[in-house]
Amino acid sequence: MMKNKRKIIITGSEGILGKEISKHFEKNDTILKLDLKFGNDLTNEEFVKKWFSKNSADYLINCFVTNDHINKKRKNKTLFEYDLKSFKNSMDVNIISLFSVCREFAKNNKKGTIVNFSSIYGIQSPRPDMYDNSHKDIGYCVSKAGVINLSKYLAAHLAPDIKINCIVPGGVLNNQSSKFIKNYSKLTPLKRMMKKNELNGLIDFLCSKKSTYMTGSIIVVDGGYSIW
């Protein structure tokens, strides 16, 4: 007898983690994908309201984010050079739109589970020496700290029908320079960065009946980076 298929909404389904998570779940479950690449603008509240009013699901996995990825194309900037529009955009996407998406899911589903994503930089500051003459985007870091408290707030106010948990990943391998990978790995007890598919098992657990007594949990998965 086949197990019952879960119905799962994945926002940011075409991103670094979103693609891996989508691939993992679509083997056995029904996936509804939302991504800017498909024209789904989650900063548009009217779109979010309309879409969630027509699409119900058991689970919502929020992978959408704006981030300044570390690669050769990234311009070197310090906190003195980041403009406020960039800061506001990080808050608009990573906090305000996330709140909007979570709220509409809760409005349109009597029961369900939400998985949000913060970042290791949401619980501690990036080290300036990791970025040469540049700084990691302050807007990204502050907004990811906000995701943690937003998840706790929603967990408290939407219980017991809607459960919300928040994963805090460490650095994920994504075409960074060999220098960055080497330096980051030195600071990590497991001596490496995370592979893109290493969160799949945890997300599977959070989107299952094995985690029925979990809500408001902040789960750090960083290879030990934050223990120093």
Protein backbone atom coordinates (compact mmCIF):
# COMPACT_ATOMS: atom_id res chain seq x y z
CA MET A 1 0.00 0.00 0.00
CA MET A 2 1.41 3.39 -1.04
CA LYS A 3 1.92 5.94 1.68
CA ASN A 4 -0.25 9.04 1.51
CA LYS A 5 1.35 11.78 -0.55
CA ARG A 6 2.10 15.03 1.24
CA LYS A 7 1.13 18.29 -0.42
CA ILE A 8 4.01 20.74 -0.02
CA ILE A 9 4.44 24.36 -1.11
CA ILE A 10 8.07 25.32 -1.71
CA THR A 11 8.83 29.03 -2.12
CA GLY A 12 12.12 29.93 -3.73
CA SER A 13 11.99 26.52 -5.38
CA GLU A 14 14.62 27.41 -7.99
CA GLY A 15 17.24 28.71 -5.54
CA ILE A 16 20.34 27.02 -4.14
CA LEU A 17 18.53 25.04 -1.44
CA GLY A 18 15.08 25.18 -3.03
CA LYS A 19 16.15 23.09 -6.03
CA GLU A 20 17.61 20.35 -3.83
CA ILE A 21 14.60 20.32 -1.53
CA SER A 22 12.19 20.21 -4.48
CA LYS A 23 14.10 17.31 -6.07
CA HIS A 24 14.00 15.43 -2.78
CA PHE A 25 10.26 15.79 -2.21
CA GLU A 26 8.91 15.53 -5.74
CA LYS A 27 9.93 11.85 -5.91
CA ASN A 28 7.09 10.87 -3.57
CA ASP A 29 4.99 13.95 -2.83
CA THR A 30 2.94 16.62 -4.56
CA ILE A 31 4.92 19.85 -4.86
CA LEU A 32 3.64 23.35 -5.57
CA LYS A 33 6.51 25.61 -6.60
CA LEU A 34 6.71 29.38 -6.20
CA ASP A 35 9.70 31.31 -7.51
CA LEU A 36 10.56 34.66 -9.06
CA LYS A 37 11.82 32.73 -12.12
CA PHE A 38 8.20 31.68 -12.71
CA GLY A 39 6.99 35.27 -12.32
CA ASN A 40 5.86 34.72 -8.72
CA ASP A 41 6.63 37.99 -6.93
CA LEU A 42 6.18 37.30 -3.23
CA THR A 43 6.72 40.97 -2.39
CA ASN A 44 3.35 41.59 -4.10
CA GLU A 45 0.82 41.14 -1.31
CA GLU A 46 -2.15 40.92 -3.67
CA PHE A 47 -0.50 38.07 -5.58
CA VAL A 48 0.30 36.26 -2.33
CA LYS A 49 -3.29 36.63 -1.05
CA LYS A 50 -4.80 35.44 -4.32
CA TRP A 51 -2.43 32.48 -4.77
CA PHE A 52 -2.79 31.10 -1.24
CA SER A 53 -6.58 31.50 -1.35
CA LYS A 54 -6.58 29.05 -4.28
CA ASN A 55 -3.83 26.64 -3.17
CA SER A 56 -3.98 24.71 0.08
CA ALA A 57 -1.27 22.36 1.35
CA ASP A 58 -0.11 20.38 4.36
CA TYR A 59 3.33 22.00 4.51
CA LEU A 60 5.03 25.24 3.53
CA ILE A 61 8.82 25.38 3.09
CA ASN A 62 10.09 28.94 2.69
CA CYS A 63 13.38 29.03 0.78
CA PHE A 64 13.00 32.41 -0.96
CA VAL A 65 15.60 35.01 -0.01
CA THR A 66 17.66 37.90 -1.28
CA ASN A 67 21.36 37.44 -0.53
CA ASP A 68 24.74 38.74 -1.75
CA HIS A 69 26.37 35.46 -2.69
CA ILE A 70 30.12 35.16 -2.34
CA ASN A 71 31.53 34.71 -5.83
CA LYS A 72 33.78 36.37 -8.41
CA LYS A 73 31.02 38.71 -9.59
CA ARG A 74 30.41 40.14 -6.12
CA LYS A 75 31.58 43.74 -5.72
CA ASN A 76 33.67 44.59 -2.68
CA LYS A 77 31.72 46.84 -0.34
CA THR A 78 31.98 47.82 3.29
CA LEU A 79 29.06 48.76 5.52
CA PHE A 80 29.80 52.41 4.70
CA GLU A 81 29.09 51.77 1.02
CA TYR A 82 25.87 49.76 1.23
CA ASP A 83 22.99 52.02 0.27
CA LEU A 84 19.83 52.07 2.34
CA LYS A 85 17.74 50.85 -0.62
CA SER A 86 19.68 47.58 -0.50
CA PHE A 87 19.06 47.33 3.25
CA LYS A 88 15.34 48.01 2.80
CA ASN A 89 15.12 45.43 0.02
CA SER A 90 16.59 42.77 2.32
CA MET A 91 13.94 43.57 4.93
CA ASP A 92 11.14 43.69 2.33
CA VAL A 93 11.98 40.27 0.92
CA ASN A 94 13.42 38.35 3.86
CA ILE A 95 11.09 39.60 6.61
CA ILE A 96 8.00 41.44 5.37
CA SER A 97 7.27 39.12 2.44
CA LEU A 98 8.02 36.08 4.59
CA PHE A 99 5.47 37.31 7.14
CA SER A 100 2.95 37.86 4.34
CA VAL A 101 3.45 34.34 2.94
CA CYS A 102 3.24 32.67 6.36
CA ARG A 103 0.13 34.65 7.28
CA GLU A 104 -1.72 33.75 4.09
CA PHE A 105 -0.81 30.08 4.47
CA ALA A 106 -2.20 30.16 8.03
CA LYS A 107 -5.36 31.96 6.89
CA ASN A 108 -6.15 29.39 4.23
CA ASN A 109 -5.19 26.13 5.95
CA LYS A 110 -6.88 24.88 9.10
CA LYS A 111 -3.78 22.86 9.99
CA GLY A 112 -0.24 22.73 8.71
CA THR A 113 3.47 23.10 9.25
CA ILE A 114 5.81 25.88 8.13
CA VAL A 115 9.59 25.58 7.83
CA ASN A 116 11.52 28.87 7.65
CA PHE A 117 15.20 29.48 7.04
CA SER A 118 17.44 31.84 8.95
CA SER A 119 21.25 31.75 8.62
CA ILE A 120 24.30 31.33 10.78
CA TYR A 121 24.66 35.09 10.26
CA GLY A 122 21.29 35.52 11.93
CA ILE A 123 22.76 34.38 15.24
CA GLN A 124 26.30 35.76 15.00
CA SER A 125 28.13 38.38 12.99
CA PRO A 126 30.14 37.49 9.89
CA ARG A 127 33.89 37.73 10.52
CA PRO A 128 35.34 40.72 8.62
CA ASP A 129 38.55 38.78 7.93
CA MET A 130 36.58 36.27 5.87
CA TYR A 131 35.71 38.87 3.26
CA ASP A 132 39.09 40.53 2.54
CA ASN A 133 38.43 44.23 1.96
CA SER A 134 34.68 43.75 1.88
CA HIS A 135 31.84 43.13 4.35
CA LYS A 136 28.96 40.67 4.19
CA ASP A 137 25.70 42.50 3.44
CA ILE A 138 24.39 43.91 6.74
CA GLY A 139 20.80 43.83 5.46
CA TYR A 140 20.99 40.08 4.91
CA CYS A 141 22.38 39.45 8.40
CA VAL A 142 19.89 41.66 10.24
CA SER A 143 16.94 40.27 8.29
CA LYS A 144 18.00 36.69 9.00
CA ALA A 145 18.12 37.50 12.71
CA GLY A 146 14.56 38.77 12.29
CA VAL A 147 13.45 35.49 10.72
CA ILE A 148 14.21 33.73 14.00
CA ASN A 149 12.00 36.00 16.10
CA LEU A 150 9.31 36.10 13.40
CA SER A 151 9.20 32.29 13.47
CA LYS A 152 8.91 32.28 17.27
CA TYR A 153 6.18 34.91 17.21
CA LEU A 154 4.14 33.01 14.62
CA ALA A 155 4.67 29.72 16.46
CA ALA A 156 3.22 31.26 19.62
CA HIS A 157 0.28 32.96 17.94
CA LEU A 158 -0.74 30.27 15.45
CA ALA A 159 -0.50 27.25 17.78
CA PRO A 160 -1.84 24.64 18.07
CA ASP A 161 -3.12 24.36 14.50
CA ILE A 162 -0.12 25.76 12.58
CA LYS A 163 3.39 24.70 13.64
CA ILE A 164 6.43 26.78 12.66
CA ASN A 165 10.06 25.78 12.98
CA CYS A 166 13.18 27.57 11.79
CA ILE A 167 16.39 26.06 10.43
CA VAL A 168 19.67 27.98 10.83
CA PRO A 169 22.09 26.66 8.18
CA GLY A 170 25.80 27.30 8.10
CA GLY A 171 27.71 28.09 4.92
CA VAL A 172 26.56 26.13 1.87
CA LEU A 173 28.93 25.27 -0.98
CA ASN A 174 27.96 27.40 -3.96
CA ASN A 175 30.84 28.34 -6.27
CA GLN A 176 32.76 30.28 -3.64
CA SER A 177 36.47 30.82 -4.19
CA SER A 178 38.85 28.10 -2.99
CA LYS A 179 40.27 30.66 -0.55
CA PHE A 180 36.89 31.33 1.03
CA ILE A 181 36.06 27.62 1.26
CA LYS A 182 39.41 26.89 2.87
CA ASN A 183 39.12 29.73 5.41
CA TYR A 184 35.51 28.90 6.29
CA SER A 185 36.32 25.20 6.68
CA LYS A 186 39.16 25.99 9.09
CA LEU A 187 36.64 27.65 11.41
CA THR A 188 34.27 24.67 11.31
CA PRO A 189 34.75 21.62 13.55
CA LEU A 190 33.63 19.34 10.70
CA LYS A 191 36.29 21.02 8.53
CA ARG A 192 34.06 21.68 5.52
CA MET A 193 31.11 23.64 4.21
CA MET A 194 27.63 22.17 3.88
CA LYS A 195 26.55 20.27 0.76
CA LYS A 196 23.34 21.53 -0.84
CA ASN A 197 21.39 18.35 -0.06
CA GLU A 198 22.38 17.95 3.59
CA LEU A 199 19.24 19.60 4.96
CA ASN A 200 16.84 17.29 3.12
CA GLY A 201 16.61 14.72 5.92
CA LEU A 202 15.88 17.35 8.57
CA ILE A 203 13.20 19.03 6.44
CA ASP A 204 11.65 15.63 5.74
CA PHE A 205 11.50 15.08 9.52
CA LEU A 206 9.89 18.49 10.15
CA CYS A 207 7.31 17.77 7.42
CA SER A 208 6.25 14.47 8.95
CA LYS A 209 4.35 12.94 11.85
CA LYS A 210 7.68 12.29 13.56
CA SER A 211 7.87 15.94 14.67
CA THR A 212 4.32 16.49 15.93
CA TYR A 213 5.49 18.05 19.24
CA MET A 214 7.82 20.58 17.65
CA THR A 215 6.97 24.23 17.15
CA GLY A 216 8.97 27.39 17.70
CA SER A 217 12.20 25.37 17.46
CA ILE A 218 15.36 27.04 16.15
CA ILE A 219 17.56 24.30 14.72
CA VAL A 220 21.20 25.14 14.00
CA VAL A 221 22.85 23.01 11.29
CA ASP A 222 26.31 24.50 10.77
CA GLY A 223 28.92 21.79 11.19
CA GLY A 224 29.72 23.31 14.58
CA TYR A 225 30.70 26.74 13.20
CA SER A 226 28.81 28.61 15.95
CA ILE A 227 30.13 26.69 18.96
CA TRP A 228 33.41 28.57 19.31
